[in-house]
C-alpha atoms as a PDB file:
ATOM      1  CA  MET A   1       0.000   0.000   0.000  1.00  0.00           C
ATOM      2  CA  SER A   2       2.971   2.291   0.618  1.00  0.00           C
ATOM      3  CA  PHE A   3       3.605   2.624  -3.119  1.00  0.00           C
ATOM      4  CA  TYR A   4       0.203   1.680  -4.517  1.00  0.00           C
ATOM      5  CA  PHE A   5      -1.514   4.691  -2.949  1.00  0.00           C
ATOM      6  CA  VAL A   6       1.049   6.927  -4.667  1.00  0.00           C
ATOM      7  CA  VAL A   7      -0.015   5.548  -8.061  1.00  0.00           C
ATOM      8  CA  THR A   8      -3.687   5.823  -7.093  1.00  0.00           C
ATOM      9  CA  GLY A   9      -3.017   9.479  -6.331  1.00  0.00           C
ATOM     10  CA  TRP A  10      -1.708   9.860  -9.878  1.00  0.00           C
ATOM     11  CA  CYS A  11      -5.089   8.629 -11.171  1.00  0.00           C
ATOM     12  CA  PHE A  12      -6.992  11.225  -9.162  1.00  0.00           C
ATOM     13  CA  TYR A  13      -4.602  13.995 -10.224  1.00  0.00           C
ATOM     14  CA  TYR A  14      -5.062  13.125 -13.900  1.00  0.00           C
ATOM     15  CA  MET A  15      -8.833  12.970 -13.552  1.00  0.00           C
ATOM     16  CA  VAL A  16      -8.785  16.516 -12.144  1.00  0.00           C
ATOM     17  CA  GLU A  17      -6.381  17.688 -14.857  1.00  0.00           C
ATOM     18  CA  ALA A  18      -8.566  16.133 -17.558  1.00  0.00           C
ATOM     19  CA  ALA A  19     -11.657  17.837 -16.133  1.00  0.00           C
ATOM     20  CA  SER A  20      -9.711  21.137 -16.199  1.00  0.00           C
ATOM     21  CA  ASN A  21      -9.036  20.641 -19.925  1.00  0.00           C
ATOM     22  CA  THR A  22      -5.295  20.740 -19.247  1.00  0.00           C
ATOM     23  CA  PHE A  23      -4.266  18.230 -21.909  1.00  0.00           C
ATOM     24  CA  THR A  24      -5.960  19.933 -24.869  1.00  0.00           C
ATOM     25  CA  GLY A  25      -3.436  20.808 -27.562  1.00  0.00           C
ATOM     26  CA  MET A  26      -0.487  19.173 -25.783  1.00  0.00           C
ATOM     27  CA  ASP A  27       1.820  17.008 -27.893  1.00  0.00           C
ATOM     28  CA  ALA A  28       3.695  13.906 -26.703  1.00  0.00           C
ATOM     29  CA  GLU A  29       6.717  15.813 -25.415  1.00  0.00           C
ATOM     30  CA  SER A  30       4.556  18.312 -23.543  1.00  0.00           C
ATOM     31  CA  LEU A  31       2.590  15.498 -21.915  1.00  0.00           C
ATOM     32  CA  LYS A  32       5.803  13.789 -20.840  1.00  0.00           C
ATOM     33  CA  ALA A  33       7.159  17.026 -19.386  1.00  0.00           C
ATOM     34  CA  HIS A  34       3.835  17.578 -17.593  1.00  0.00           C
ATOM     35  CA  PHE A  35       4.045  14.176 -15.912  1.00  0.00           C
ATOM     36  CA  ASN A  36       7.701  14.664 -14.962  1.00  0.00           C
ATOM     37  CA  ALA A  37       6.837  18.014 -13.373  1.00  0.00           C
ATOM     38  CA  PHE A  38       4.044  16.410 -11.344  1.00  0.00           C
ATOM     39  CA  GLU A  39       6.245  13.467 -10.334  1.00  0.00           C
ATOM     40  CA  SER A  40       8.784  15.879  -8.848  1.00  0.00           C
ATOM     41  CA  ASN A  41       6.146  17.970  -7.026  1.00  0.00           C
ATOM     42  CA  ALA A  42       6.061  16.456  -3.542  1.00  0.00           C
ATOM     43  CA  PRO A  43       3.217  18.600  -2.081  1.00  0.00           C
ATOM     44  CA  GLN A  44       0.878  17.760  -4.982  1.00  0.00           C
ATOM     45  CA  MET A  45       1.690  14.063  -4.861  1.00  0.00           C
ATOM     46  CA  ILE A  46       1.184  13.958  -1.097  1.00  0.00           C
ATOM     47  CA  LEU A  47      -2.164  15.734  -1.438  1.00  0.00           C
ATOM     48  CA  TYR A  48      -3.556  13.261  -3.955  1.00  0.00           C
ATOM     49  CA  ALA A  49      -2.145  10.234  -2.128  1.00  0.00           C
ATOM     50  CA  VAL A  50      -3.869  11.448   1.063  1.00  0.00           C
ATOM     51  CA  ILE A  51      -7.107  11.923  -0.901  1.00  0.00           C
ATOM     52  CA  ALA A  52      -6.848   8.313  -2.113  1.00  0.00           C
ATOM     53  CA  ILE A  53      -6.207   7.054   1.431  1.00  0.00           C
ATOM     54  CA  ALA A  54      -9.106   9.119   2.812  1.00  0.00           C
ATOM     55  CA  LEU A  55     -11.553   7.847   0.183  1.00  0.00           C
ATOM     56  CA  THR A  56     -10.470   4.247   0.793  1.00  0.00           C
ATOM     57  CA  ALA A  57     -10.813   4.667   4.549  1.00  0.00           C
ATOM     58  CA  SER A  58     -14.239   6.279   4.167  1.00  0.00           C
ATOM     59  CA  VAL A  59     -15.541   3.257   2.229  1.00  0.00           C
ATOM     60  CA  LEU A  60     -14.084   0.836   4.788  1.00  0.00           C
ATOM     61  CA  TRP A  61     -15.609   2.878   7.602  1.00  0.00           C
ATOM     62  CA  PHE A  62     -18.949   1.483   6.443  1.00  0.00           C
ATOM     63  CA  ASP A  63     -19.984  -1.832   4.899  1.00  0.00           C
ATOM     64  CA  VAL A  64     -17.679  -3.089   2.125  1.00  0.00           C
ATOM     65  CA  ASN A  65     -20.453  -5.001   0.354  1.00  0.00           C
ATOM     66  CA  LYS A  66     -22.895  -2.103   0.131  1.00  0.00           C
ATOM     67  CA  GLY A  67     -20.295   0.418  -1.021  1.00  0.00           C
ATOM     68  CA  ILE A  68     -17.614  -0.657  -3.447  1.00  0.00           C
ATOM     69  CA  GLU A  69     -19.372  -3.838  -4.619  1.00  0.00           C
ATOM     70  CA  ARG A  70     -22.429  -2.015  -5.964  1.00  0.00           C
ATOM     71  CA  LEU A  71     -20.283   0.702  -7.501  1.00  0.00           C
ATOM     72  CA  SER A  72     -17.986  -1.815  -9.180  1.00  0.00           C
ATOM     73  CA  LYS A  73     -20.874  -3.779 -10.700  1.00  0.00           C
ATOM     74  CA  ILE A  74     -21.900  -0.663 -12.602  1.00  0.00           C
ATOM     75  CA  LEU A  75     -18.632   1.084 -13.431  1.00  0.00           C
ATOM     76  CA  MET A  76     -16.278  -1.827 -14.128  1.00  0.00           C
ATOM     77  CA  PRO A  77     -18.316  -3.114 -17.125  1.00  0.00           C
ATOM     78  CA  ILE A  78     -18.284   0.460 -18.481  1.00  0.00           C
ATOM     79  CA  LEU A  79     -14.476   0.528 -18.164  1.00  0.00           C
ATOM     80  CA  PHE A  80     -14.309  -2.866 -19.900  1.00  0.00           C
ATOM     81  CA  VAL A  81     -16.336  -1.583 -22.880  1.00  0.00           C
ATOM     82  CA  PHE A  82     -14.195   1.570 -22.903  1.00  0.00           C
ATOM     83  CA  LEU A  83     -11.034  -0.551 -23.195  1.00  0.00           C
ATOM     84  CA  ILE A  84     -12.494  -2.536 -26.102  1.00  0.00           C
ATOM     85  CA  VAL A  85     -13.388   0.646 -28.019  1.00  0.00           C
ATOM     86  CA  MET A  86      -9.917   2.110 -27.449  1.00  0.00           C
ATOM     87  CA  ALA A  87      -8.141  -1.123 -28.417  1.00  0.00           C
ATOM     88  CA  VAL A  88     -10.055  -1.259 -31.719  1.00  0.00           C
ATOM     89  CA  HIS A  89      -9.243   2.411 -32.327  1.00  0.00           C
ATOM     90  CA  MET A  90      -5.505   1.850 -31.730  1.00  0.00           C
ATOM     91  CA  VAL A  91      -5.330  -0.942 -34.310  1.00  0.00           C
ATOM     92  CA  PHE A  92      -6.009   1.566 -37.101  1.00  0.00           C
ATOM     93  CA  ILE A  93      -3.696   4.455 -36.118  1.00  0.00           C
ATOM     94  CA  ASP A  94      -0.465   5.071 -38.026  1.00  0.00           C
ATOM     95  CA  GLY A  95       2.311   3.011 -36.482  1.00  0.00           C
ATOM     96  CA  GLY A  96      -0.104   0.999 -34.368  1.00  0.00           C
ATOM     97  CA  THR A  97       0.761  -2.323 -36.021  1.00  0.00           C
ATOM     98  CA  THR A  98       4.401  -1.908 -34.913  1.00  0.00           C
ATOM     99  CA  GLY A  99       3.229  -1.792 -31.318  1.00  0.00           C
ATOM    100  CA  LEU A 100       1.057  -4.871 -31.786  1.00  0.00           C
ATOM    101  CA  ARG A 101       4.005  -6.794 -33.226  1.00  0.00           C
ATOM    102  CA  TYR A 102       6.107  -5.702 -30.242  1.00  0.00           C
ATOM    103  CA  LEU A 103       3.379  -6.990 -27.896  1.00  0.00           C
ATOM    104  CA  PHE A 104       2.467 -10.291 -29.570  1.00  0.00           C
ATOM    105  CA  MET A 105       5.812 -11.343 -31.129  1.00  0.00           C
ATOM    106  CA  PRO A 106       8.142 -11.677 -28.103  1.00  0.00           C
ATOM    107  CA  ASP A 107      11.897 -12.204 -28.199  1.00  0.00           C
ATOM    108  CA  PHE A 108      12.266 -15.418 -26.191  1.00  0.00           C
ATOM    109  CA  SER A 109      16.010 -14.863 -25.807  1.00  0.00           C
ATOM    110  CA  LYS A 110      15.179 -11.999 -23.438  1.00  0.00           C
ATOM    111  CA  ILE A 111      13.369 -14.309 -20.992  1.00  0.00           C
ATOM    112  CA  THR A 112      15.722 -14.677 -18.023  1.00  0.00           C
ATOM    113  CA  SER A 113      15.272 -15.849 -14.441  1.00  0.00           C
ATOM    114  CA  GLU A 114      14.834 -12.193 -13.423  1.00  0.00           C
ATOM    115  CA  VAL A 115      12.050 -11.764 -15.962  1.00  0.00           C
ATOM    116  CA  ILE A 116      10.351 -14.926 -14.705  1.00  0.00           C
ATOM    117  CA  LEU A 117      10.592 -13.726 -11.095  1.00  0.00           C
ATOM    118  CA  GLN A 118       9.084 -10.355 -12.012  1.00  0.00           C
ATOM    119  CA  ALA A 119       6.333 -12.044 -14.023  1.00  0.00           C
ATOM    120  CA  MET A 120       5.557 -14.386 -11.127  1.00  0.00           C
ATOM    121  CA  GLY A 121       5.378 -11.455  -8.731  1.00  0.00           C
ATOM    122  CA  LEU A 122       3.093  -9.563 -11.115  1.00  0.00           C
ATOM    123  CA  CYS A 123       0.789 -12.594 -11.455  1.00  0.00           C
ATOM    124  CA  PHE A 124       0.522 -12.906  -7.685  1.00  0.00           C
ATOM    125  CA  PHE A 125      -0.103  -9.172  -7.324  1.00  0.00           C
ATOM    126  CA  THR A 126      -2.710  -9.068 -10.099  1.00  0.00           C
ATOM    127  CA  LEU A 127      -4.612 -12.081  -8.768  1.00  0.00           C
ATOM    128  CA  SER A 128      -4.245 -10.948  -5.108  1.00  0.00           C
ATOM    129  CA  VAL A 129      -2.415 -14.153  -4.173  1.00  0.00           C
ATOM    130  CA  GLY A 130      -0.157 -14.215  -1.112  1.00  0.00           C
ATOM    131  CA  MET A 131      -1.486 -11.016   0.496  1.00  0.00           C
ATOM    132  CA  GLY A 132      -4.344 -12.298   2.631  1.00  0.00           C
ATOM    133  CA  ILE A 133      -6.946 -10.657   0.381  1.00  0.00           C
ATOM    134  CA  LEU A 134      -8.563 -13.905  -0.779  1.00  0.00           C
ATOM    135  CA  VAL A 135      -8.823 -15.131   2.821  1.00  0.00           C
ATOM    136  CA  THR A 136     -10.256 -11.836   4.077  1.00  0.00           C
ATOM    137  CA  TYR A 137     -12.730 -11.379   1.229  1.00  0.00           C
ATOM    138  CA  GLY A 138     -13.707 -15.036   1.547  1.00  0.00           C
ATOM    139  CA  GLY A 139     -15.405 -14.035   4.794  1.00  0.00           C
ATOM    140  CA  TYR A 140     -17.835 -11.878   2.790  1.00  0.00           C
ATOM    141  CA  MET A 141     -18.774 -14.590   0.279  1.00  0.00           C
ATOM    142  CA  PRO A 142     -22.290 -16.030   0.593  1.00  0.00           C
ATOM    143  CA  GLU A 143     -22.865 -19.685   1.368  1.00  0.00           C
ATOM    144  CA  GLY A 144     -22.987 -21.846  -1.740  1.00  0.00           C
ATOM    145  CA  GLN A 145     -20.716 -19.581  -3.811  1.00  0.00           C
ATOM    146  CA  ASP A 146     -18.962 -21.602  -6.549  1.00  0.00           C
ATOM    147  CA  VAL A 147     -15.332 -20.779  -5.749  1.00  0.00           C
ATOM    148  CA  LYS A 148     -13.867 -22.648  -8.744  1.00  0.00           C
ATOM    149  CA  SER A 149     -16.182 -20.929 -11.205  1.00  0.00           C
ATOM    150  CA  THR A 150     -15.543 -17.508  -9.660  1.00  0.00           C
ATOM    151  CA  SER A 151     -11.767 -18.067  -9.727  1.00  0.00           C
ATOM    152  CA  LEU A 152     -11.854 -19.113 -13.388  1.00  0.00           C
ATOM    153  CA  GLN A 153     -13.916 -16.065 -14.325  1.00  0.00           C
ATOM    154  CA  MET A 154     -11.456 -13.789 -12.501  1.00  0.00           C
ATOM    155  CA  ILE A 155      -8.435 -15.308 -14.261  1.00  0.00           C
ATOM    156  CA  VAL A 156     -10.046 -15.064 -17.712  1.00  0.00           C
ATOM    157  CA  LEU A 157     -11.100 -11.440 -17.145  1.00  0.00           C
ATOM    158  CA  VAL A 158      -7.627 -10.481 -15.879  1.00  0.00           C
ATOM    159  CA  ILE A 159      -6.039 -11.931 -19.041  1.00  0.00           C
ATOM    160  CA  ILE A 160      -8.553 -10.166 -21.319  1.00  0.00           C
ATOM    161  CA  VAL A 161      -8.229  -6.779 -19.605  1.00  0.00           C
ATOM    162  CA  SER A 162      -4.418  -7.024 -19.497  1.00  0.00           C
ATOM    163  CA  THR A 163      -4.326  -7.873 -23.209  1.00  0.00           C
ATOM    164  CA  LEU A 164      -6.665  -4.998 -24.079  1.00  0.00           C
ATOM    165  CA  SER A 165      -4.507  -2.618 -22.027  1.00  0.00           C
ATOM    166  CA  GLY A 166      -1.417  -3.760 -23.900  1.00  0.00           C
ATOM    167  CA  MET A 167      -3.213  -3.291 -27.234  1.00  0.00           C
ATOM    168  CA  ILE A 168      -3.891   0.321 -26.215  1.00  0.00           C
ATOM    169  CA  ILE A 169      -0.541   1.251 -24.684  1.00  0.00           C
ATOM    170  CA  PHE A 170       2.024  -0.254 -27.080  1.00  0.00           C
ATOM    171  CA  PRO A 171       0.536   0.970 -30.381  1.00  0.00           C
ATOM    172  CA  ALA A 172       0.410   4.452 -28.821  1.00  0.00           C
ATOM    173  CA  VAL A 173       4.024   4.115 -27.650  1.00  0.00           C
ATOM    174  CA  PHE A 174       5.315   3.516 -31.165  1.00  0.00           C
ATOM    175  CA  ALA A 175       2.856   5.869 -32.846  1.00  0.00           C
ATOM    176  CA  TYR A 176       3.836   8.860 -30.708  1.00  0.00           C
ATOM    177  CA  GLY A 177       7.553   8.157 -30.271  1.00  0.00           C
ATOM    178  CA  PHE A 178       7.743   6.951 -26.667  1.00  0.00           C
ATOM    179  CA  SER A 179      10.019   4.220 -25.324  1.00  0.00           C
ATOM    180  CA  PRO A 180       8.298   0.952 -24.318  1.00  0.00           C
ATOM    181  CA  SER A 181      10.710   0.610 -21.377  1.00  0.00           C
ATOM    182  CA  GLU A 182       9.614   3.779 -19.586  1.00  0.00           C
ATOM    183  CA  GLY A 183       7.439   1.917 -17.089  1.00  0.00           C
ATOM    184  CA  PRO A 184       3.934   2.437 -15.642  1.00  0.00           C
ATOM    185  CA  GLU A 185       4.157   6.183 -16.252  1.00  0.00           C
ATOM    186  CA  LEU A 186       3.360   5.428 -19.901  1.00  0.00           C
ATOM    187  CA  THR A 187      -0.311   5.186 -18.953  1.00  0.00           C
ATOM    188  CA  PHE A 188      -0.271   8.823 -17.860  1.00  0.00           C
ATOM    189  CA  VAL A 189       1.629  10.010 -20.931  1.00  0.00           C
ATOM    190  CA  THR A 190       0.529   7.916 -23.908  1.00  0.00           C
ATOM    191  CA  LEU A 191      -3.196   7.762 -23.141  1.00  0.00           C
ATOM    192  CA  PRO A 192      -3.707  11.553 -22.912  1.00  0.00           C
ATOM    193  CA  ALA A 193      -1.867  11.734 -26.275  1.00  0.00           C
ATOM    194  CA  VAL A 194      -4.285   9.166 -27.714  1.00  0.00           C
ATOM    195  CA  PHE A 195      -7.311  11.000 -26.335  1.00  0.00           C
ATOM    196  CA  GLN A 196      -6.323  14.138 -28.262  1.00  0.00           C
ATOM    197  CA  HIS A 197      -7.137  12.272 -31.483  1.00  0.00           C
ATOM    198  CA  MET A 198     -10.470  10.847 -30.359  1.00  0.00           C
ATOM    199  CA  PHE A 199     -13.973  12.256 -30.277  1.00  0.00           C
ATOM    200  CA  SER A 200     -14.334  14.825 -27.459  1.00  0.00           C
ATOM    201  CA  PRO A 201     -10.824  14.523 -25.932  1.00  0.00           C
ATOM    202  CA  THR A 202     -11.813  16.165 -22.633  1.00  0.00           C
ATOM    203  CA  LEU A 203     -14.863  13.956 -22.089  1.00  0.00           C
ATOM    204  CA  THR A 204     -12.906  10.843 -23.064  1.00  0.00           C
ATOM    205  CA  SER A 205     -10.037  11.717 -20.700  1.00  0.00           C
ATOM    206  CA  VAL A 206     -12.344  12.465 -17.763  1.00  0.00           C
ATOM    207  CA  ALA A 207     -14.321   9.261 -18.316  1.00  0.00           C
ATOM    208  CA  PHE A 208     -11.245   7.062 -18.580  1.00  0.00           C
ATOM    209  CA  PHE A 209      -9.321   8.446 -15.616  1.00  0.00           C
ATOM    210  CA  GLY A 210     -12.510   8.576 -13.557  1.00  0.00           C
ATOM    211  CA  LEU A 211     -13.116   4.880 -14.206  1.00  0.00           C
ATOM    212  CA  MET A 212      -9.451   4.211 -13.546  1.00  0.00           C
ATOM    213  CA  CYS A 213      -9.807   5.860 -10.126  1.00  0.00           C
ATOM    214  CA  VAL A 214     -12.641   3.497  -9.272  1.00  0.00           C
ATOM    215  CA  ALA A 215     -10.592   0.518 -10.476  1.00  0.00           C
ATOM    216  CA  ALA A 216      -7.650   1.641  -8.335  1.00  0.00           C
ATOM    217  CA  LEU A 217      -9.921   2.094  -5.294  1.00  0.00           C
ATOM    218  CA  THR A 218     -11.200  -1.473  -5.600  1.00  0.00           C
ATOM    219  CA  SER A 219      -7.573  -2.565  -5.152  1.00  0.00           C
ATOM    220  CA  THR A 220      -6.689  -0.190  -2.310  1.00  0.00           C
ATOM    221  CA  ILE A 221      -9.877  -1.140  -0.470  1.00  0.00           C
ATOM    222  CA  SER A 222      -9.063  -4.849  -0.664  1.00  0.00           C
ATOM    223  CA  LEU A 223      -5.476  -4.240   0.482  1.00  0.00           C
ATOM    224  CA  MET A 224      -6.453  -1.976   3.372  1.00  0.00           C
ATOM    225  CA  GLU A 225      -9.281  -4.266   4.492  1.00  0.00           C
ATOM    226  CA  VAL A 226      -6.759  -7.028   5.193  1.00  0.00           C
ATOM    227  CA  VAL A 227      -4.792  -4.831   7.593  1.00  0.00           C
ATOM    228  CA  ILE A 228      -7.902  -3.424   9.282  1.00  0.00           C
ATOM    229  CA  ALA A 229      -9.378  -6.893   9.824  1.00  0.00           C
ATOM    230  CA  PHE A 230      -6.059  -8.044  11.294  1.00  0.00           C
ATOM    231  CA  VAL A 231      -5.807  -5.054  13.649  1.00  0.00           C
ATOM    232  CA  CYS A 232      -9.364  -5.636  14.891  1.00  0.00           C
ATOM    233  CA  GLU A 233      -8.704  -9.306  15.637  1.00  0.00           C
ATOM    234  CA  ALA A 234      -5.157  -8.864  16.986  1.00  0.00           C
ATOM    235  CA  THR A 235      -6.286  -6.368  19.616  1.00  0.00           C
ATOM    236  CA  LEU A 236      -9.297  -8.353  20.839  1.00  0.00           C
ATOM    237  CA  LYS A 237      -7.361  -9.958  23.700  1.00  0.00           C
ATOM    238  CA  THR A 238      -5.528  -6.799  24.732  1.00  0.00           C
ATOM    239  CA  LYS A 239      -6.559  -4.345  27.425  1.00  0.00           C
ATOM    240  CA  ARG A 240      -7.570  -1.809  24.781  1.00  0.00           C
ATOM    241  CA  PRO A 241      -9.166  -3.633  21.856  1.00  0.00           C
ATOM    242  CA  LEU A 242      -9.820  -1.498  18.779  1.00  0.00           C
ATOM    243  CA  ASN A 243     -13.195  -1.553  17.050  1.00  0.00           C
ATOM    244  CA  ARG A 244     -13.495  -1.238  13.263  1.00  0.00           C
ATOM    245  CA  HIS A 245     -13.716   2.573  13.215  1.00  0.00           C
ATOM    246  CA  GLN A 246     -10.673   2.958  15.461  1.00  0.00           C
ATOM    247  CA  SER A 247      -8.724   0.451  13.353  1.00  0.00           C
ATOM    248  CA  VAL A 248      -9.566   2.371  10.171  1.00  0.00           C
ATOM    249  CA  ILE A 249      -8.238   5.600  11.714  1.00  0.00           C
ATOM    250  CA  VAL A 250      -5.018   3.978  12.999  1.00  0.00           C
ATOM    251  CA  VAL A 251      -4.238   2.242   9.693  1.00  0.00           C
ATOM    252  CA  ALA A 252      -5.054   5.365   7.658  1.00  0.00           C
ATOM    253  CA  LEU A 253      -2.752   7.565   9.777  1.00  0.00           C
ATOM    254  CA  ILE A 254       0.108   5.076   9.490  1.00  0.00           C
ATOM    255  CA  LEU A 255      -0.407   4.937   5.718  1.00  0.00           C
ATOM    256  CA  VAL A 256      -0.333   8.725   5.436  1.00  0.00           C
ATOM    257  CA  ALA A 257       2.950   8.859   7.354  1.00  0.00           C
ATOM    258  CA  ILE A 258       4.611   6.149   5.246  1.00  0.00           C
ATOM    259  CA  ASN A 259       3.302   7.609   1.975  1.00  0.00           C
ATOM    260  CA  VAL A 260       4.720  11.028   2.856  1.00  0.00           C
ATOM    261  CA  LEU A 261       8.148   9.444   3.424  1.00  0.00           C
ATOM    262  CA  CYS A 262       7.790   7.427   0.221  1.00  0.00           C
ATOM    263  CA  ILE A 263       6.973  10.519  -1.857  1.00  0.00           C
ATOM    264  CA  LEU A 264       9.709  12.631  -0.270  1.00  0.00           C
ATOM    265  CA  SER A 265      12.181   9.880  -1.089  1.00  0.00           C
ATOM    266  CA  MET A 266      11.147   9.506  -4.745  1.00  0.00           C
ATOM    267  CA  THR A 267      11.005  13.261  -5.414  1.00  0.00           C
ATOM    268  CA  GLY A 268      14.513  13.887  -4.090  1.00  0.00           C
ATOM    269  CA  HIS A 269      13.415  15.867  -1.023  1.00  0.00           C
ATOM    270  CA  ALA A 270      14.836  13.177   1.269  1.00  0.00           C
ATOM    271  CA  ASP A 271      17.726  11.542  -0.579  1.00  0.00           C
ATOM    272  CA  TRP A 272      18.793   9.696   2.559  1.00  0.00           C
ATOM    273  CA  LEU A 273      15.569   7.639   2.536  1.00  0.00           C
ATOM    274  CA  THR A 274      16.824   4.741   0.413  1.00  0.00           C
ATOM    275  CA  VAL A 275      16.924   0.960   0.636  1.00  0.00           C
ATOM    276  CA  MET A 276      19.690  -0.857  -1.260  1.00  0.00           C
ATOM    277  CA  GLY A 277      20.305   2.199  -3.415  1.00  0.00           C
ATOM    278  CA  GLN A 278      16.633   2.611  -4.366  1.00  0.00           C
ATOM    279  CA  ASN A 279      14.177   5.263  -3.243  1.00  0.00           C
ATOM    280  CA  LEU A 280      11.380   4.007  -1.003  1.00  0.00           C
ATOM    281  CA  PHE A 281       8.829   3.942  -3.843  1.00  0.00           C
ATOM    282  CA  ASN A 282      10.939   1.597  -5.990  1.00  0.00           C
ATOM    283  CA  SER A 283      12.209  -0.474  -3.070  1.00  0.00           C
ATOM    284  CA  PHE A 284       8.689  -1.041  -1.670  1.00  0.00           C
ATOM    285  CA  ASN A 285       7.508  -2.035  -5.139  1.00  0.00           C
ATOM    286  CA  ILE A 286      10.347  -4.528  -5.668  1.00  0.00           C
ATOM    287  CA  LEU A 287      10.216  -5.883  -2.111  1.00  0.00           C
ATOM    288  CA  SER A 288       6.477  -6.522  -2.090  1.00  0.00           C
ATOM    289  CA  THR A 289       5.882  -7.629  -5.691  1.00  0.00           C
ATOM    290  CA  ASN A 290       8.993  -9.751  -6.257  1.00  0.00           C
ATOM    291  CA  ILE A 291       9.729 -11.067  -2.752  1.00  0.00           C
ATOM    292  CA  LEU A 292       7.091 -10.754  -0.029  1.00  0.00           C
ATOM    293  CA  ILE A 293       4.053 -11.691  -2.125  1.00  0.00           C
ATOM    294  CA  PRO A 294       5.650 -14.848  -3.633  1.00  0.00           C
ATOM    295  CA  VAL A 295       6.908 -15.821  -0.155  1.00  0.00           C
ATOM    296  CA  GLY A 296       3.375 -15.316   1.163  1.00  0.00           C
ATOM    297  CA  ALA A 297       2.043 -17.518  -1.636  1.00  0.00           C
ATOM    298  CA  LEU A 298       4.671 -20.153  -0.827  1.00  0.00           C
ATOM    299  CA  GLY A 299       3.636 -20.141   2.833  1.00  0.00           C
ATOM    300  CA  THR A 300      -0.036 -20.387   1.864  1.00  0.00           C
ATOM    301  CA  ALA A 301       0.654 -23.355  -0.430  1.00  0.00           C
ATOM    302  CA  LEU A 302       2.665 -25.178   2.247  1.00  0.00           C
ATOM    303  CA  PHE A 303       0.046 -24.523   4.933  1.00  0.00           C
ATOM    304  CA  SER A 304      -2.898 -25.532   2.711  1.00  0.00           C
ATOM    305  CA  GLY A 305      -1.141 -28.607   1.348  1.00  0.00           C
ATOM    306  CA  TRP A 306       0.424 -30.001   4.514  1.00  0.00           C
ATOM    307  CA  PHE A 307      -1.462 -28.643   7.537  1.00  0.00           C
ATOM    308  CA  VAL A 308      -5.104 -28.567   6.436  1.00  0.00           C
ATOM    309  CA  PRO A 309      -6.784 -31.666   7.975  1.00  0.00           C
ATOM    310  CA  LYS A 310      -6.440 -34.672   5.662  1.00  0.00           C
ATOM    311  CA  ALA A 311     -10.103 -35.531   6.247  1.00  0.00           C
ATOM    312  CA  ARG A 312     -10.984 -32.762   3.804  1.00  0.00           C
ATOM    313  CA  TYR A 313      -9.345 -34.726   0.996  1.00  0.00           C
ATOM    314  CA  GLN A 314     -10.581 -38.223   1.874  1.00  0.00           C
ATOM    315  CA  GLY A 315     -12.867 -39.569  -0.800  1.00  0.00           C
ATOM    316  CA  ALA A 316     -11.979 -36.686  -3.066  1.00  0.00           C
ATOM    317  CA  ARG A 317     -12.093 -37.007  -6.826  1.00  0.00           C
ATOM    318  CA  VAL A 318      -8.968 -37.507  -8.944  1.00  0.00           C
ATOM    319  CA  GLY A 319      -8.920 -33.786  -9.798  1.00  0.00           C
ATOM    320  CA  SER A 320      -8.808 -32.839  -6.135  1.00  0.00           C
ATOM    321  CA  PHE A 321      -6.035 -35.373  -5.492  1.00  0.00           C
ATOM    322  CA  LEU A 322      -3.940 -33.946  -8.343  1.00  0.00           C
ATOM    323  CA  TYR A 323      -4.577 -30.457  -6.996  1.00  0.00           C
ATOM    324  CA  LEU A 324      -3.231 -31.558  -3.614  1.00  0.00           C
ATOM    325  CA  VAL A 325      -0.093 -33.016  -5.234  1.00  0.00           C
ATOM    326  CA  VAL A 326       0.516 -29.770  -7.139  1.00  0.00           C
ATOM    327  CA  LEU A 327      -0.102 -27.706  -3.996  1.00  0.00           C
ATOM    328  CA  ARG A 328       2.220 -29.806  -1.831  1.00  0.00           C
ATOM    329  CA  TRP A 329       5.099 -30.348  -4.230  1.00  0.00           C
ATOM    330  CA  LEU A 330       5.098 -28.610  -7.598  1.00  0.00           C
ATOM    331  CA  VAL A 331       4.149 -25.087  -6.471  1.00  0.00           C
ATOM    332  CA  PRO A 332       6.657 -24.864  -3.562  1.00  0.00           C
ATOM    333  CA  ILE A 333       9.476 -26.423  -5.603  1.00  0.00           C
ATOM    334  CA  ALA A 334       8.858 -24.097  -8.556  1.00  0.00           C
ATOM    335  CA  ILE A 335       8.870 -20.957  -6.381  1.00  0.00           C
ATOM    336  CA  VAL A 336      12.008 -22.041  -4.482  1.00  0.00           C
ATOM    337  CA  ILE A 337      13.910 -22.843  -7.702  1.00  0.00           C
ATOM    338  CA  ILE A 338      13.047 -19.452  -9.199  1.00  0.00           C
ATOM    339  CA  PHE A 339      14.215 -17.671  -6.051  1.00  0.00           C
ATOM    340  CA  LEU A 340      17.483 -19.629  -5.829  1.00  0.00           C
ATOM    341  CA  ASP A 341      18.185 -18.911  -9.491  1.00  0.00           C
ATOM    342  CA  SER A 342      17.371 -15.197  -9.101  1.00  0.00           C
ATOM    343  CA  VAL A 343      19.976 -14.832  -6.322  1.00  0.00           C
ATOM    344  CA  ASN A 344      22.561 -16.834  -8.339  1.00  0.00           C
ATOM    345  CA  ILE A 345      22.700 -19.752  -5.903  1.00  0.00           C
ATOM    346  CA  ILE A 346      21.822 -22.209  -8.692  1.00  0.00           C
END
């Protein structure tokens, strides 16, 4: 959350900028300079990160199901349709086919153990594996929910949305002269450039970044809910147990403090705040995505495979037995091998 709220703040900033008609008439270089100026403006970044934290906390102050779930059911399909329209549009722009070839014709010689580790971390992050989110949200699921069907739907939708996003970003990268290695900032540079060539650029920009804010909030809410639920339960047996509202306030204040340090570190206002030569934003990203989340997934696999009562698997079908074998042996071994290779031990 210490770096994810920073990025969520970017979404809110760009929604406001789009509504202010800031991007009208700006070319690719101007848009890149605009983002760089914002990324170095610590007060602005802190403001929008705090706004994102406050909005997330306000939803979690009340009932999760009645708030974000109803909103997501309406707005997420709209975002999905929006992505399809934009992906189709990008296929026909000048230079767009170069970006599609870059996306769908990979250079397999570039696939190293580091790439695999990063991809594994991204998969875990995208599917919310290894962070406690699935366990926490499982408490809100109704009785009789088909977990296997729901999981399959989630995986298929993640693949489709990720592919559509790539079909939007990479054609724009090559069409407008950006570098595909510039990182997640491309979303905030290439897309405003694309919107300038679409019907009603201001309306399109506001709609997209507004929907993106909602999408980001669905992630921050799920992340923050895990911590809040833990704080509530961990303090039950203490002399001063915290109720839900108190836990929300405590977690939100801690997040604000860490986000301020994170932003000061990445904007150069606190150069001494580094971890292994990286600013806090980059180090938190690498630490959580590439290390802590896979380790959490490894622990979950070992616990589920070896410590869940065997009675649950007695009389199970062949598919369930094979699942248990994969969970006990193949998943842990695969994760351990990737880690040992990434640190040059093997």
